[in-house]
Amino acid sequence: MSTTYKSDVEAVQDLVVKYNSLRKEIGKVIIGQDEVVRDVLISIFSRGHCLLVGVPGLAKTLLVNTIAQSLGLTYNRIQFTPDLMPSDIIGTEILDESRHFRFIKGPLFSNIILADEINRTPPKTQSALLEAMQEYAVTAAGKRYALDLPFFVLATQNPIEQEGTYPLPEAQLDRFMFNVLLTYPEFDQEVQVVKNTTSDYRPKLEKIISAEEILYFQELIRRIPIPDNVLQYAVSLASKTRPNTPAATKDVNSFLSWGAGPRASQYLVIGAKCHAALNGKFSPDIADVKAVAQPILRHRIVRNYRAEADGVTVEKIINDLLQS
């Protein structure tokens, strides 16, 4: 497939066509979860990563497998367990028949990685994954190995079973562009899911976009211009979440112990650019920033004891900031 366009405007128009085709193709398998699919695709085109939080049985594995097939990318699922070591995901050196050390690549060498229950594995292995997410490379036996591009990590967490877990520290959570919450499907959607999964229904998925095109569109998103007032709004929104600073609101000072850092501002801007492009706009506005604010800020602000005692949720705090 060619990635040669006469202009960026033409490229954005083609991105919209491919995005709508992707949504239609994914919809053959994934019933509902429209916002989840949108956020995952925005992360991919923004060169970010997703943390997916939901109870078991909500098709997290099926979702990422379906997206990988539609994108024509390689895919690996890694089940994170307490005994998983960094070499289990990165790879290791072996002594071959000619008595030379040879590096055997681990499952991280794939375009899309499903890190299932990332909080079940010790910090050392979590750090190995997060290094790969940040650097797009891994280090083994003192040598650096570049990962295949595009590279995207979809990590999952189970919010209801916390025994035997190693929760991700805030600094590591910050590496994820989105924290996406999966909820139970609506009744009609669940009826359709059960009907499809208890029959011989086996949809054939078509490859909509290539790895080369994804890399091109990732660069295209960054070239999209953003008005100064929208850029300032994104930075201001992140600044307002920081307690005991001039920009903080009364509720932020009362209910938060920590706010979002500069990486939140960066993701708000790049996320707004991508949201605008996927909706056929050639420049983002404040509505695009607001559309991606919840999943970007949700895991970057930390409630204090008073907020937990009063039942003040992170989502409510963010909504109040968006409406102020």
Protein backbone atom coordinates (compact mmCIF):
# COMPACT_ATOMS: atom_id res chain seq x y z
CA MET A 1 0.00 0.00 0.00
CA SER A 2 1.24 3.48 -0.80
CA THR A 3 1.63 6.24 1.75
CA THR A 4 2.25 8.93 -0.85
CA TYR A 5 -0.26 11.78 -0.63
CA LYS A 6 -0.39 15.10 -2.43
CA SER A 7 -0.94 16.92 0.87
CA ASP A 8 -1.56 16.36 4.57
CA VAL A 9 -5.20 17.29 3.97
CA GLU A 10 -5.55 14.36 1.59
CA ALA A 11 -3.77 12.12 4.12
CA VAL A 12 -6.18 13.13 6.92
CA GLN A 13 -9.13 12.39 4.63
CA ASP A 14 -7.74 8.93 3.91
CA LEU A 15 -7.11 8.36 7.62
CA VAL A 16 -10.81 9.06 8.31
CA VAL A 17 -11.82 6.51 5.67
CA LYS A 18 -9.49 3.87 7.08
CA TYR A 19 -10.55 4.62 10.66
CA ASN A 20 -14.23 4.15 9.80
CA SER A 21 -13.39 0.94 7.98
CA LEU A 22 -11.46 -0.25 11.04
CA ARG A 23 -14.41 0.48 13.32
CA LYS A 24 -16.72 -1.44 10.99
CA GLU A 25 -14.33 -4.40 10.78
CA ILE A 26 -13.77 -4.55 14.54
CA GLY A 27 -17.54 -4.32 15.03
CA LYS A 28 -17.91 -7.71 13.35
CA VAL A 29 -16.45 -9.26 16.50
CA ILE A 30 -16.63 -6.66 19.29
CA ILE A 31 -20.21 -5.72 20.18
CA GLY A 32 -20.50 -2.30 21.82
CA GLN A 33 -17.47 -0.88 23.68
CA ASP A 34 -17.38 1.98 21.14
CA GLU A 35 -15.43 4.37 23.37
CA VAL A 36 -12.95 1.66 24.32
CA VAL A 37 -12.25 0.86 20.66
CA ARG A 38 -11.95 4.57 19.90
CA ASP A 39 -9.45 5.13 22.71
CA VAL A 40 -7.33 2.12 21.74
CA LEU A 41 -7.13 3.30 18.13
CA ILE A 42 -6.32 6.86 19.20
CA SER A 43 -3.48 5.46 21.32
CA ILE A 44 -2.10 3.52 18.38
CA PHE A 45 -2.18 6.48 15.99
CA SER A 46 -0.76 8.74 18.73
CA ARG A 47 2.15 6.34 19.38
CA GLY A 48 0.95 5.75 22.94
CA HIS A 49 0.00 2.80 25.13
CA CYS A 50 -3.19 1.79 26.96
CA LEU A 51 -3.95 0.48 30.43
CA LEU A 52 -7.26 -1.38 30.33
CA VAL A 53 -9.12 -1.85 33.61
CA GLY A 54 -12.12 -4.16 33.83
CA VAL A 55 -13.50 -7.27 35.46
CA PRO A 56 -12.86 -10.68 33.83
CA GLY A 57 -14.96 -11.70 30.85
CA LEU A 58 -15.29 -8.35 29.09
CA ALA A 59 -13.40 -9.48 25.96
CA LYS A 60 -10.15 -7.62 26.61
CA THR A 61 -8.08 -10.35 24.95
CA LEU A 62 -10.54 -10.68 22.07
CA LEU A 63 -10.49 -6.91 21.57
CA VAL A 64 -6.73 -6.63 21.14
CA ASN A 65 -6.57 -9.76 18.99
CA THR A 66 -9.29 -8.38 16.71
CA ILE A 67 -7.58 -5.00 16.42
CA ALA A 68 -4.25 -6.68 15.60
CA GLN A 69 -5.86 -8.67 12.79
CA SER A 70 -7.60 -5.60 11.36
CA LEU A 71 -4.35 -3.64 11.44
CA GLY A 72 -2.35 -6.44 9.86
CA LEU A 73 0.13 -6.42 12.75
CA THR A 74 1.87 -9.18 14.69
CA TYR A 75 0.45 -9.86 18.14
CA ASN A 76 1.59 -11.59 21.33
CA ARG A 77 -0.21 -12.14 24.61
CA ILE A 78 1.90 -12.32 27.78
CA GLN A 79 0.22 -13.61 30.94
CA PHE A 80 1.91 -11.79 33.81
CA THR A 81 2.42 -14.01 36.87
CA PRO A 82 4.37 -13.64 40.15
CA ASP A 83 7.20 -15.87 38.86
CA LEU A 84 7.63 -14.10 35.50
CA MET A 85 11.20 -12.86 34.99
CA PRO A 86 12.43 -10.04 32.68
CA SER A 87 14.19 -12.58 30.44
CA ASP A 88 10.83 -14.34 29.94
CA ILE A 89 9.50 -11.31 28.05
CA ILE A 90 12.69 -9.74 26.66
CA GLY A 91 14.50 -12.88 25.56
CA THR A 92 17.79 -14.49 26.52
CA GLU A 93 21.17 -15.48 25.15
CA ILE A 94 21.93 -19.15 24.52
CA LEU A 95 25.10 -20.99 23.57
CA ASP A 96 24.47 -22.45 20.11
CA GLU A 97 26.04 -25.49 18.43
CA SER A 98 29.02 -23.45 17.19
CA ARG A 99 29.71 -22.36 20.77
CA HIS A 100 28.69 -18.76 20.13
CA PHE A 101 26.16 -16.83 22.16
CA ARG A 102 22.97 -16.11 20.24
CA PHE A 103 20.10 -13.91 21.39
CA ILE A 104 16.67 -15.54 21.28
CA LYS A 105 13.99 -12.86 21.09
CA GLY A 106 11.18 -12.94 23.63
CA PRO A 107 7.46 -12.22 23.09
CA LEU A 108 8.05 -8.44 23.36
CA PHE A 109 9.31 -8.52 19.77
CA SER A 110 5.90 -8.02 18.24
CA ASN A 111 3.84 -5.03 17.08
CA ILE A 112 1.01 -5.38 19.60
CA ILE A 113 1.54 -6.76 23.11
CA LEU A 114 -1.28 -7.72 25.44
CA ALA A 115 0.25 -7.57 28.94
CA ASP A 116 -2.47 -9.46 30.76
CA GLU A 117 -2.81 -8.59 34.47
CA ILE A 118 0.36 -6.51 34.57
CA ASN A 119 -0.06 -5.95 38.31
CA ARG A 120 0.44 -9.68 38.99
CA THR A 121 4.17 -9.60 38.25
CA PRO A 122 7.03 -8.19 40.38
CA PRO A 123 8.38 -4.64 39.78
CA LYS A 124 11.54 -5.90 38.05
CA THR A 125 9.51 -7.45 35.21
CA GLN A 126 7.12 -4.50 35.12
CA SER A 127 10.13 -2.21 34.69
CA ALA A 128 11.46 -4.29 31.81
CA LEU A 129 8.15 -3.84 29.99
CA LEU A 130 7.93 -0.15 30.78
CA GLU A 131 11.48 0.41 29.50
CA ALA A 132 10.45 -1.17 26.21
CA MET A 133 7.38 1.09 26.07
CA GLN A 134 9.48 4.20 26.59
CA GLU A 135 12.60 3.38 24.57
CA TYR A 136 11.17 1.02 21.89
CA ALA A 137 14.17 -1.18 22.62
CA VAL A 138 15.34 -3.73 25.18
CA THR A 139 18.72 -4.46 26.71
CA ALA A 140 19.98 -8.01 27.23
CA ALA A 141 23.51 -9.02 28.27
CA GLY A 142 24.66 -5.45 27.74
CA LYS A 143 23.40 -5.25 24.16
CA ARG A 144 20.55 -3.10 22.91
CA TYR A 145 17.94 -4.56 20.57
CA ALA A 146 15.41 -2.38 18.76
CA LEU A 147 11.79 -3.50 18.83
CA ASP A 148 9.59 -3.89 15.78
CA LEU A 149 7.65 -0.74 14.88
CA PRO A 150 4.89 0.17 15.32
CA PHE A 151 4.96 -1.03 18.94
CA PHE A 152 1.91 -0.80 21.17
CA VAL A 153 1.25 -2.22 24.66
CA LEU A 154 -2.24 -2.90 25.96
CA ALA A 155 -1.91 -3.79 29.64
CA THR A 156 -4.84 -5.06 31.67
CA GLN A 157 -5.65 -4.91 35.37
CA ASN A 158 -8.38 -6.68 37.32
CA PRO A 159 -9.88 -4.10 39.73
CA ILE A 160 -11.75 -6.55 41.98
CA GLU A 161 -9.13 -9.12 42.94
CA GLN A 162 -6.08 -7.50 44.51
CA GLU A 163 -4.52 -10.36 46.48
CA GLY A 164 -1.02 -11.21 45.34
CA THR A 165 -0.62 -8.10 43.18
CA TYR A 166 2.13 -5.52 42.72
CA PRO A 167 0.27 -2.28 41.92
CA LEU A 168 2.00 -0.01 39.43
CA PRO A 169 3.52 3.11 41.05
CA GLU A 170 2.24 6.47 39.79
CA ALA A 171 5.52 7.13 37.94
CA GLN A 172 5.05 3.93 35.94
CA LEU A 173 1.33 4.53 35.38
CA ASP A 174 2.34 7.85 33.83
CA ARG A 175 3.94 5.94 30.92
CA PHE A 176 0.48 4.91 29.71
CA MET A 177 -1.31 7.41 27.51
CA PHE A 178 -4.81 6.16 28.41
CA ASN A 179 -6.41 4.45 31.38
CA VAL A 180 -9.54 2.94 29.83
CA LEU A 181 -12.37 1.53 31.95
CA LEU A 182 -14.37 -1.40 30.58
CA THR A 183 -17.92 -1.70 31.85
CA TYR A 184 -20.55 -4.40 31.52
CA PRO A 185 -22.39 -4.42 28.16
CA GLU A 186 -25.95 -3.23 27.86
CA PHE A 187 -28.65 -5.91 27.82
CA ASP A 188 -29.20 -5.93 24.05
CA GLN A 189 -25.45 -5.98 23.45
CA GLU A 190 -24.96 -8.90 25.83
CA VAL A 191 -27.75 -10.81 24.07
CA GLN A 192 -25.90 -10.34 20.76
CA VAL A 193 -22.57 -11.34 22.33
CA VAL A 194 -24.03 -14.53 23.77
CA LYS A 195 -25.77 -15.33 20.48
CA ASN A 196 -22.54 -14.93 18.48
CA THR A 197 -20.28 -16.79 20.90
CA THR A 198 -22.59 -19.79 21.37
CA SER A 199 -23.05 -20.44 17.65
CA ASP A 200 -20.78 -21.24 14.71
CA TYR A 201 -20.49 -17.53 13.85
CA ARG A 202 -16.88 -16.96 12.72
CA PRO A 203 -16.47 -13.60 10.99
CA LYS A 204 -13.55 -13.25 8.61
CA LEU A 205 -11.59 -10.09 9.34
CA GLU A 206 -10.00 -8.09 6.56
CA LYS A 207 -6.69 -6.27 6.94
CA ILE A 208 -7.54 -2.57 6.65
CA ILE A 209 -4.20 -0.85 7.16
CA SER A 210 -0.52 -1.77 7.02
CA ALA A 211 2.32 -1.19 9.48
CA GLU A 212 3.89 1.26 7.01
CA GLU A 213 0.68 3.31 6.90
CA ILE A 214 0.36 3.33 10.70
CA LEU A 215 3.87 4.76 11.03
CA TYR A 216 3.03 7.38 8.40
CA PHE A 217 -0.19 8.39 10.16
CA GLN A 218 1.64 8.61 13.51
CA GLU A 219 3.92 11.23 11.98
CA LEU A 220 0.96 12.92 10.28
CA ILE A 221 -0.82 13.37 13.63
CA ARG A 222 2.18 15.21 15.01
CA ARG A 223 2.26 17.57 12.01
CA ILE A 224 -1.33 18.70 12.59
CA PRO A 225 -1.32 22.37 13.70
CA ILE A 226 -2.95 23.35 16.98
CA PRO A 227 -4.21 26.86 17.86
CA ASP A 228 -2.47 28.58 20.74
CA ASN A 229 -5.67 28.85 22.80
CA VAL A 230 -6.25 25.07 22.55
CA LEU A 231 -2.64 24.34 23.49
CA GLN A 232 -2.94 26.68 26.47
CA TYR A 233 -6.24 25.07 27.50
CA ALA A 234 -4.62 21.60 27.55
CA VAL A 235 -1.70 22.81 29.68
CA SER A 236 -4.06 24.76 31.94
CA LEU A 237 -6.27 21.69 32.45
CA ALA A 238 -3.31 19.60 33.57
CA SER A 239 -2.03 22.44 35.78
CA LYS A 240 -5.35 22.72 37.59
CA THR A 241 -5.00 19.14 38.89
CA ARG A 242 -1.87 20.03 40.92
CA PRO A 243 -2.77 20.81 44.54
CA ASN A 244 -1.23 23.78 46.33
CA THR A 245 -0.27 25.53 43.12
CA PRO A 246 -1.65 28.87 41.80
CA ALA A 247 -3.82 27.12 39.19
CA ALA A 248 -5.39 24.59 41.57
CA THR A 249 -9.11 24.83 42.34
CA LYS A 250 -10.62 24.57 45.81
CA ASP A 251 -11.73 20.97 45.26
CA VAL A 252 -8.30 19.97 43.94
CA ASN A 253 -6.66 21.36 47.08
CA SER A 254 -9.22 19.59 49.25
CA PHE A 255 -9.33 16.17 47.60
CA LEU A 256 -6.05 15.51 45.77
CA SER A 257 -2.61 14.72 47.14
CA TRP A 258 -0.93 14.66 43.73
CA GLY A 259 -1.72 15.98 40.27
CA ALA A 260 -0.86 15.31 36.64
CA GLY A 261 2.62 16.10 35.34
CA PRO A 262 3.80 17.59 32.02
CA ARG A 263 3.36 14.25 30.23
CA ALA A 264 -0.40 14.68 30.75
CA SER A 265 -0.24 18.02 28.89
CA GLN A 266 1.66 16.36 26.05
CA TYR A 267 -0.85 13.52 25.75
CA LEU A 268 -3.82 15.92 25.94
CA VAL A 269 -2.41 17.78 22.93
CA ILE A 270 -1.46 14.73 20.84
CA GLY A 271 -4.72 12.98 21.81
CA ALA A 272 -6.75 16.04 20.79
CA LYS A 273 -4.92 16.19 17.46
CA CYS A 274 -5.68 12.53 16.79
CA HIS A 275 -9.32 12.83 17.91
CA ALA A 276 -9.76 15.79 15.57
CA ALA A 277 -8.14 14.00 12.62
CA LEU A 278 -10.24 10.86 13.09
CA ASN A 279 -13.33 13.06 12.96
CA GLY A 280 -12.24 14.75 9.73
CA LYS A 281 -10.97 18.00 11.24
CA PHE A 282 -7.63 19.49 10.24
CA SER A 283 -6.97 21.20 13.57
CA PRO A 284 -8.17 20.36 17.10
CA ASP A 285 -10.36 22.56 19.27
CA ILE A 286 -11.13 22.57 23.00
CA ALA A 287 -13.88 19.97 22.50
CA ASP A 288 -11.24 17.52 21.23
CA VAL A 289 -9.15 18.08 24.38
CA LYS A 290 -12.20 17.45 26.55
CA ALA A 291 -13.01 14.26 24.60
CA VAL A 292 -9.74 12.61 25.63
CA ALA A 293 -9.31 14.21 29.07
CA GLN A 294 -10.87 11.50 31.25
CA PRO A 295 -8.75 8.50 30.15
CA ILE A 296 -5.59 10.65 30.08
CA LEU A 297 -5.99 12.24 33.53
CA ARG A 298 -7.72 9.37 35.36
CA HIS A 299 -4.54 7.54 36.39
CA ARG A 300 -2.38 10.63 36.86
CA ILE A 301 -4.13 12.21 39.83
CA VAL A 302 -4.10 10.74 43.32
CA ARG A 303 -6.96 11.23 45.76
CA ASN A 304 -6.28 11.86 49.44
CA TYR A 305 -7.97 10.24 52.42
CA ARG A 306 -10.65 12.93 52.60
CA ALA A 307 -11.75 12.28 49.01
CA GLU A 308 -12.00 8.54 49.64
CA ALA A 309 -13.93 9.09 52.87
CA ASP A 310 -16.36 11.51 51.19
CA GLY A 311 -16.81 9.27 48.14
CA VAL A 312 -15.41 11.86 45.73
CA THR A 313 -14.28 10.01 42.61
CA VAL A 314 -11.48 10.88 40.24
CA GLU A 315 -14.02 11.10 37.41
CA LYS A 316 -16.08 13.69 39.32
CA ILE A 317 -13.01 15.83 39.98
CA ILE A 318 -12.05 15.76 36.28
CA ASN A 319 -15.62 16.51 35.17
CA ASP A 320 -15.76 19.50 37.50
CA LEU A 321 -12.49 20.81 36.01
CA LEU A 322 -13.85 20.37 32.48
CA GLN A 323 -17.03 22.29 33.35
CA SER A 324 -15.31 25.10 35.24
